[in-house]
Amino acid sequence: METIVSVLTFAESKYIAASQASRLRKLLVGLFDQRLEATTTYYDNQSCIKLSENPVFHYRFKQIDIRYHLIEDHVQKRAVELRYISTDERVADIFMKSLMKGKFVFFKDKMGLVKNTFLTKREC
């Protein structure tokens, strides 16, 4: 018996992640029975965004399971909005990557973190 392994591209994996995020939104709406404003999610992959905005099923992405195409429906209904953010502006990298000092300080300042002088200089 032959095993077929499907290798996803970076755009496809981001697309699947976007779909999972929209499923989480749908779950929260169902649990709390409230109407939410459009959920904005930022991605650094423009192919993922274009794929979710275009309702035409692309032949290149045949291996993506049909359940992940829920994101297209959410984008068309304007419940979810996918926006592009460049790699240089992803503040979340401060939690996921080791960064050079300049980049770390830039993201720290962008998040609005301030130095806590109480913890650094305490008198005994």
N, C-alpha and C. Protein backbone atom coordinates (compact mmCIF):
# COMPACT_ATOMS: atom_id res chain seq x y z
N MET A 1 0.84 -1.17 0.00
CA MET A 1 0.00 0.00 0.00
C MET A 1 0.89 1.24 0.00
N GLU A 2 0.61 2.15 -0.86
CA GLU A 2 1.42 3.35 -1.02
C GLU A 2 0.86 4.48 -0.18
N THR A 3 1.74 5.18 0.50
CA THR A 3 1.34 6.31 1.33
C THR A 3 1.62 7.59 0.57
N ILE A 4 0.63 8.46 0.49
CA ILE A 4 0.79 9.74 -0.18
C ILE A 4 0.89 10.82 0.89
N VAL A 5 1.95 11.58 0.82
CA VAL A 5 2.17 12.65 1.78
C VAL A 5 1.95 13.97 1.07
N SER A 6 1.08 14.78 1.63
CA SER A 6 0.81 16.10 1.06
C SER A 6 1.62 17.14 1.81
N VAL A 7 2.40 17.88 1.10
CA VAL A 7 3.21 18.93 1.71
C VAL A 7 2.52 20.26 1.43
N LEU A 8 2.18 20.97 2.49
CA LEU A 8 1.50 22.25 2.34
C LEU A 8 2.51 23.36 2.15
N THR A 9 2.14 24.32 1.33
CA THR A 9 2.98 25.50 1.19
C THR A 9 2.74 26.41 2.38
N PHE A 10 3.58 27.42 2.50
CA PHE A 10 3.44 28.37 3.60
C PHE A 10 2.09 29.09 3.52
N ALA A 11 1.66 29.44 2.31
CA ALA A 11 0.37 30.12 2.13
C ALA A 11 -0.78 29.22 2.56
N GLU A 12 -0.67 27.94 2.23
CA GLU A 12 -1.74 27.01 2.60
C GLU A 12 -1.82 26.82 4.11
N SER A 13 -0.69 26.75 4.76
CA SER A 13 -0.71 26.58 6.22
C SER A 13 -1.27 27.83 6.90
N LYS A 14 -0.95 29.01 6.38
CA LYS A 14 -1.52 30.25 6.91
C LYS A 14 -3.03 30.30 6.67
N TYR A 15 -3.45 29.80 5.51
CA TYR A 15 -4.87 29.76 5.16
C TYR A 15 -5.63 28.86 6.14
N ILE A 16 -5.06 27.73 6.46
CA ILE A 16 -5.68 26.81 7.40
C ILE A 16 -5.74 27.44 8.79
N ALA A 17 -4.68 28.14 9.18
CA ALA A 17 -4.67 28.83 10.48
C ALA A 17 -5.75 29.92 10.53
N ALA A 18 -5.92 30.64 9.43
CA ALA A 18 -6.96 31.67 9.37
C ALA A 18 -8.34 31.05 9.49
N SER A 19 -8.52 29.90 8.88
CA SER A 19 -9.80 29.21 8.97
C SER A 19 -10.07 28.76 10.40
N GLN A 20 -9.06 28.26 11.07
CA GLN A 20 -9.22 27.84 12.47
C GLN A 20 -9.58 29.04 13.36
N ALA A 21 -8.96 30.18 13.10
CA ALA A 21 -9.28 31.39 13.87
C ALA A 21 -10.73 31.81 13.65
N SER A 22 -11.22 31.67 12.42
CA SER A 22 -12.61 32.04 12.16
C SER A 22 -13.57 31.04 12.81
N ARG A 23 -13.16 29.78 12.93
CA ARG A 23 -13.98 28.79 13.63
C ARG A 23 -14.07 29.13 15.12
N LEU A 24 -12.96 29.60 15.68
CA LEU A 24 -12.96 30.01 17.09
C LEU A 24 -13.90 31.19 17.30
N ARG A 25 -13.91 32.12 16.36
CA ARG A 25 -14.81 33.27 16.44
C ARG A 25 -16.26 32.80 16.42
N LYS A 26 -16.55 31.86 15.52
CA LYS A 26 -17.91 31.32 15.41
C LYS A 26 -18.32 30.63 16.71
N LEU A 27 -17.40 29.92 17.34
CA LEU A 27 -17.68 29.25 18.61
C LEU A 27 -17.99 30.28 19.70
N LEU A 28 -17.22 31.36 19.77
CA LEU A 28 -17.46 32.39 20.78
C LEU A 28 -18.80 33.08 20.58
N VAL A 29 -19.14 33.34 19.34
CA VAL A 29 -20.45 33.95 19.05
C VAL A 29 -21.56 33.01 19.49
N GLY A 30 -21.40 31.72 19.23
CA GLY A 30 -22.41 30.75 19.62
C GLY A 30 -22.54 30.59 21.13
N LEU A 31 -21.41 30.64 21.84
CA LEU A 31 -21.43 30.46 23.28
C LEU A 31 -22.07 31.64 24.02
N PHE A 32 -21.72 32.83 23.58
CA PHE A 32 -22.17 34.03 24.29
C PHE A 32 -23.37 34.70 23.64
N ASP A 33 -23.82 34.17 22.50
CA ASP A 33 -25.01 34.64 21.82
C ASP A 33 -25.02 36.16 21.65
N GLN A 34 -23.89 36.68 21.19
CA GLN A 34 -23.77 38.12 20.95
C GLN A 34 -23.26 38.35 19.54
N ARG A 35 -23.61 39.50 19.01
CA ARG A 35 -23.08 39.88 17.71
C ARG A 35 -21.76 40.60 17.92
N LEU A 36 -20.78 40.19 17.17
CA LEU A 36 -19.45 40.79 17.27
C LEU A 36 -19.17 41.66 16.05
N GLU A 37 -18.35 42.64 16.24
CA GLU A 37 -17.86 43.40 15.09
C GLU A 37 -16.93 42.49 14.30
N ALA A 38 -16.57 42.93 13.13
CA ALA A 38 -15.66 42.14 12.30
C ALA A 38 -14.34 41.91 13.04
N THR A 39 -13.88 40.69 12.99
CA THR A 39 -12.61 40.33 13.62
C THR A 39 -11.50 40.55 12.61
N THR A 40 -10.54 41.37 12.96
CA THR A 40 -9.41 41.65 12.08
C THR A 40 -8.23 40.79 12.50
N THR A 41 -7.70 40.05 11.53
CA THR A 41 -6.54 39.21 11.77
C THR A 41 -5.45 39.65 10.80
N TYR A 42 -4.24 39.78 11.32
CA TYR A 42 -3.12 40.24 10.51
C TYR A 42 -2.24 39.06 10.09
N TYR A 43 -1.90 39.02 8.82
CA TYR A 43 -1.05 37.97 8.27
C TYR A 43 0.07 38.59 7.46
N ASP A 44 1.20 37.93 7.45
CA ASP A 44 2.33 38.42 6.67
C ASP A 44 2.42 37.69 5.33
N ASN A 45 1.35 37.02 4.94
CA ASN A 45 1.35 36.26 3.70
C ASN A 45 0.20 36.74 2.83
N GLN A 46 0.52 37.43 1.75
CA GLN A 46 -0.51 37.98 0.88
C GLN A 46 -1.26 36.90 0.10
N SER A 47 -0.61 35.79 -0.18
CA SER A 47 -1.27 34.70 -0.89
C SER A 47 -2.42 34.13 -0.08
N CYS A 48 -2.22 34.01 1.22
CA CYS A 48 -3.29 33.53 2.11
C CYS A 48 -4.48 34.47 2.07
N ILE A 49 -4.22 35.76 2.10
CA ILE A 49 -5.30 36.76 2.09
C ILE A 49 -6.05 36.71 0.77
N LYS A 50 -5.32 36.65 -0.34
CA LYS A 50 -5.96 36.60 -1.66
C LYS A 50 -6.78 35.33 -1.83
N LEU A 51 -6.28 34.22 -1.32
CA LEU A 51 -6.99 32.96 -1.43
C LEU A 51 -8.31 33.01 -0.66
N SER A 52 -8.31 33.65 0.50
CA SER A 52 -9.55 33.73 1.29
C SER A 52 -10.55 34.72 0.70
N GLU A 53 -10.08 35.71 -0.03
CA GLU A 53 -10.98 36.71 -0.63
C GLU A 53 -11.60 36.23 -1.93
N ASN A 54 -10.97 35.28 -2.60
CA ASN A 54 -11.43 34.82 -3.90
C ASN A 54 -12.26 33.56 -3.73
N PRO A 55 -13.56 33.60 -4.02
CA PRO A 55 -14.41 32.42 -3.82
C PRO A 55 -14.17 31.30 -4.84
N VAL A 56 -13.39 31.58 -5.89
CA VAL A 56 -13.11 30.56 -6.89
C VAL A 56 -12.15 29.54 -6.29
N PHE A 57 -12.50 28.27 -6.42
CA PHE A 57 -11.65 27.22 -5.88
C PHE A 57 -10.44 27.08 -6.79
N HIS A 58 -9.25 27.33 -6.26
CA HIS A 58 -8.03 27.29 -7.04
C HIS A 58 -7.55 25.86 -7.21
N TYR A 59 -7.17 25.52 -8.42
CA TYR A 59 -6.69 24.16 -8.68
C TYR A 59 -5.40 23.87 -7.93
N ARG A 60 -4.64 24.90 -7.61
CA ARG A 60 -3.37 24.70 -6.90
C ARG A 60 -3.58 24.23 -5.47
N PHE A 61 -4.72 24.50 -4.92
CA PHE A 61 -4.97 24.23 -3.51
C PHE A 61 -5.98 23.10 -3.33
N LYS A 62 -5.92 22.10 -4.21
CA LYS A 62 -6.85 20.99 -4.14
C LYS A 62 -6.68 20.18 -2.86
N GLN A 63 -5.47 20.14 -2.32
CA GLN A 63 -5.22 19.28 -1.18
C GLN A 63 -5.74 19.86 0.14
N ILE A 64 -6.19 21.12 0.15
CA ILE A 64 -6.76 21.69 1.36
C ILE A 64 -8.16 21.10 1.55
N ASP A 65 -8.39 20.54 2.70
CA ASP A 65 -9.68 19.93 3.00
C ASP A 65 -10.78 20.98 2.93
N ILE A 66 -11.96 20.57 2.50
CA ILE A 66 -13.09 21.48 2.29
C ILE A 66 -13.47 22.23 3.57
N ARG A 67 -13.26 21.63 4.73
CA ARG A 67 -13.65 22.28 5.98
C ARG A 67 -12.86 23.55 6.25
N TYR A 68 -11.71 23.69 5.62
CA TYR A 68 -10.90 24.88 5.84
C TYR A 68 -11.34 26.06 4.97
N HIS A 69 -12.25 25.82 4.03
CA HIS A 69 -12.71 26.91 3.17
C HIS A 69 -13.82 27.73 3.83
N LEU A 70 -14.08 27.48 5.10
CA LEU A 70 -15.04 28.27 5.87
C LEU A 70 -14.62 29.73 5.94
N ILE A 71 -13.33 29.98 5.91
CA ILE A 71 -12.81 31.35 6.00
C ILE A 71 -13.32 32.20 4.84
N GLU A 72 -13.48 31.61 3.66
CA GLU A 72 -14.00 32.37 2.51
C GLU A 72 -15.39 32.91 2.81
N ASP A 73 -16.22 32.09 3.41
CA ASP A 73 -17.58 32.50 3.75
C ASP A 73 -17.56 33.64 4.77
N HIS A 74 -16.70 33.53 5.77
CA HIS A 74 -16.62 34.57 6.80
C HIS A 74 -16.10 35.89 6.22
N VAL A 75 -15.16 35.81 5.29
CA VAL A 75 -14.62 37.03 4.67
C VAL A 75 -15.69 37.68 3.79
N GLN A 76 -16.45 36.88 3.05
CA GLN A 76 -17.50 37.43 2.19
C GLN A 76 -18.61 38.09 3.01
N LYS A 77 -18.92 37.52 4.18
CA LYS A 77 -19.95 38.10 5.05
C LYS A 77 -19.41 39.25 5.89
N ARG A 78 -18.14 39.56 5.74
CA ARG A 78 -17.44 40.62 6.47
C ARG A 78 -17.45 40.40 7.99
N ALA A 79 -17.46 39.14 8.38
CA ALA A 79 -17.34 38.81 9.81
C ALA A 79 -15.87 38.75 10.20
N VAL A 80 -15.04 38.39 9.23
CA VAL A 80 -13.60 38.31 9.45
C VAL A 80 -12.92 39.13 8.36
N GLU A 81 -11.93 39.88 8.77
CA GLU A 81 -11.16 40.68 7.81
C GLU A 81 -9.70 40.30 7.98
N LEU A 82 -9.08 39.89 6.88
CA LEU A 82 -7.66 39.55 6.90
C LEU A 82 -6.89 40.74 6.33
N ARG A 83 -5.91 41.21 7.07
CA ARG A 83 -5.10 42.34 6.62
C ARG A 83 -3.64 41.93 6.57
N TYR A 84 -2.94 42.56 5.66
CA TYR A 84 -1.51 42.28 5.50
C TYR A 84 -0.71 43.13 6.49
N ILE A 85 0.30 42.50 7.07
CA ILE A 85 1.25 43.21 7.91
C ILE A 85 2.64 42.72 7.51
N SER A 86 3.54 43.63 7.30
CA SER A 86 4.87 43.21 6.87
C SER A 86 5.61 42.50 8.00
N THR A 87 6.56 41.71 7.64
CA THR A 87 7.32 40.94 8.61
C THR A 87 8.03 41.84 9.61
N ASP A 88 8.44 43.01 9.16
CA ASP A 88 9.16 43.94 10.04
C ASP A 88 8.27 44.57 11.10
N GLU A 89 6.96 44.48 10.96
CA GLU A 89 6.05 45.14 11.89
C GLU A 89 5.28 44.16 12.78
N ARG A 90 5.59 42.87 12.71
CA ARG A 90 4.86 41.88 13.51
C ARG A 90 5.34 41.91 14.95
N VAL A 91 4.59 42.56 15.79
CA VAL A 91 4.96 42.72 17.20
C VAL A 91 4.96 41.36 17.92
N ALA A 92 4.16 40.43 17.45
CA ALA A 92 4.08 39.11 18.09
C ALA A 92 5.41 38.37 18.04
N ASP A 93 6.30 38.78 17.15
CA ASP A 93 7.61 38.13 17.07
C ASP A 93 8.39 38.26 18.37
N ILE A 94 8.08 39.25 19.17
CA ILE A 94 8.79 39.44 20.44
C ILE A 94 8.58 38.23 21.35
N PHE A 95 7.45 37.51 21.17
CA PHE A 95 7.14 36.34 21.99
C PHE A 95 7.61 35.03 21.35
N MET A 96 7.89 35.05 20.05
CA MET A 96 8.15 33.80 19.35
C MET A 96 9.57 33.62 18.82
N LYS A 97 10.33 34.69 18.75
CA LYS A 97 11.65 34.61 18.14
C LYS A 97 12.69 35.26 19.03
N SER A 98 13.92 34.83 18.84
CA SER A 98 15.01 35.57 19.47
C SER A 98 15.34 36.72 18.52
N LEU A 99 15.41 37.92 19.06
CA LEU A 99 15.56 39.12 18.23
C LEU A 99 16.83 39.86 18.58
N MET A 100 17.30 40.62 17.64
CA MET A 100 18.41 41.54 17.90
C MET A 100 17.90 42.61 18.86
N LYS A 101 18.81 43.24 19.58
CA LYS A 101 18.41 44.20 20.61
C LYS A 101 17.58 45.35 20.03
N GLY A 102 17.98 45.88 18.89
CA GLY A 102 17.26 46.99 18.27
C GLY A 102 15.82 46.62 17.94
N LYS A 103 15.62 45.42 17.38
CA LYS A 103 14.29 44.96 17.02
C LYS A 103 13.45 44.70 18.28
N PHE A 104 14.10 44.15 19.32
CA PHE A 104 13.41 43.89 20.58
C PHE A 104 12.92 45.20 21.19
N VAL A 105 13.78 46.20 21.23
CA VAL A 105 13.41 47.51 21.80
C VAL A 105 12.30 48.14 20.98
N PHE A 106 12.37 48.01 19.65
CA PHE A 106 11.35 48.57 18.76
C PHE A 106 9.99 47.96 19.07
N PHE A 107 9.92 46.62 19.17
CA PHE A 107 8.66 45.95 19.45
C PHE A 107 8.18 46.25 20.86
N LYS A 108 9.10 46.32 21.82
CA LYS A 108 8.74 46.62 23.20
C LYS A 108 8.11 48.01 23.27
N ASP A 109 8.69 48.98 22.59
CA ASP A 109 8.15 50.33 22.57
C ASP A 109 6.80 50.37 21.85
N LYS A 110 6.68 49.58 20.78
CA LYS A 110 5.43 49.55 20.02
C LYS A 110 4.29 48.97 20.85
N MET A 111 4.62 48.04 21.77
CA MET A 111 3.61 47.46 22.65
C MET A 111 3.27 48.39 23.81
N GLY A 112 4.10 49.39 24.05
CA GLY A 112 3.83 50.34 25.12
C GLY A 112 4.36 49.90 26.47
N LEU A 113 5.30 48.97 26.47
CA LEU A 113 5.89 48.52 27.73
C LEU A 113 6.84 49.58 28.26
N VAL A 114 6.79 49.78 29.54
CA VAL A 114 7.67 50.76 30.18
C VAL A 114 8.51 50.06 31.23
N LYS A 115 9.60 50.68 31.58
CA LYS A 115 10.49 50.12 32.58
C LYS A 115 9.86 50.30 33.96
N ASN A 116 9.87 49.25 34.74
CA ASN A 116 9.32 49.29 36.09
C ASN A 116 10.46 49.62 37.05
N THR A 117 10.53 50.88 37.49
CA THR A 117 11.64 51.29 38.33
C THR A 117 11.52 50.72 39.74
N PHE A 118 10.34 50.34 40.15
CA PHE A 118 10.16 49.76 41.47
C PHE A 118 10.91 48.43 41.59
N LEU A 119 10.87 47.65 40.53
CA LEU A 119 11.53 46.34 40.58
C LEU A 119 13.04 46.42 40.36
N THR A 120 13.50 47.43 39.69
CA THR A 120 14.92 47.51 39.39
C THR A 120 15.73 48.15 40.48
N LYS A 121 15.18 49.15 41.17
CA LYS A 121 15.93 49.84 42.22
C LYS A 121 15.10 49.87 43.50
N ARG A 122 15.27 48.86 44.30
CA ARG A 122 14.58 48.83 45.59
C ARG A 122 15.61 49.00 46.69
N GLU A 123 15.25 49.76 47.64
CA GLU A 123 16.14 49.92 48.79
C GLU A 123 15.83 48.85 49.82
N CYS A 124 16.83 48.28 50.42
CA CYS A 124 16.63 47.24 51.42
C CYS A 124 16.63 47.81 52.81
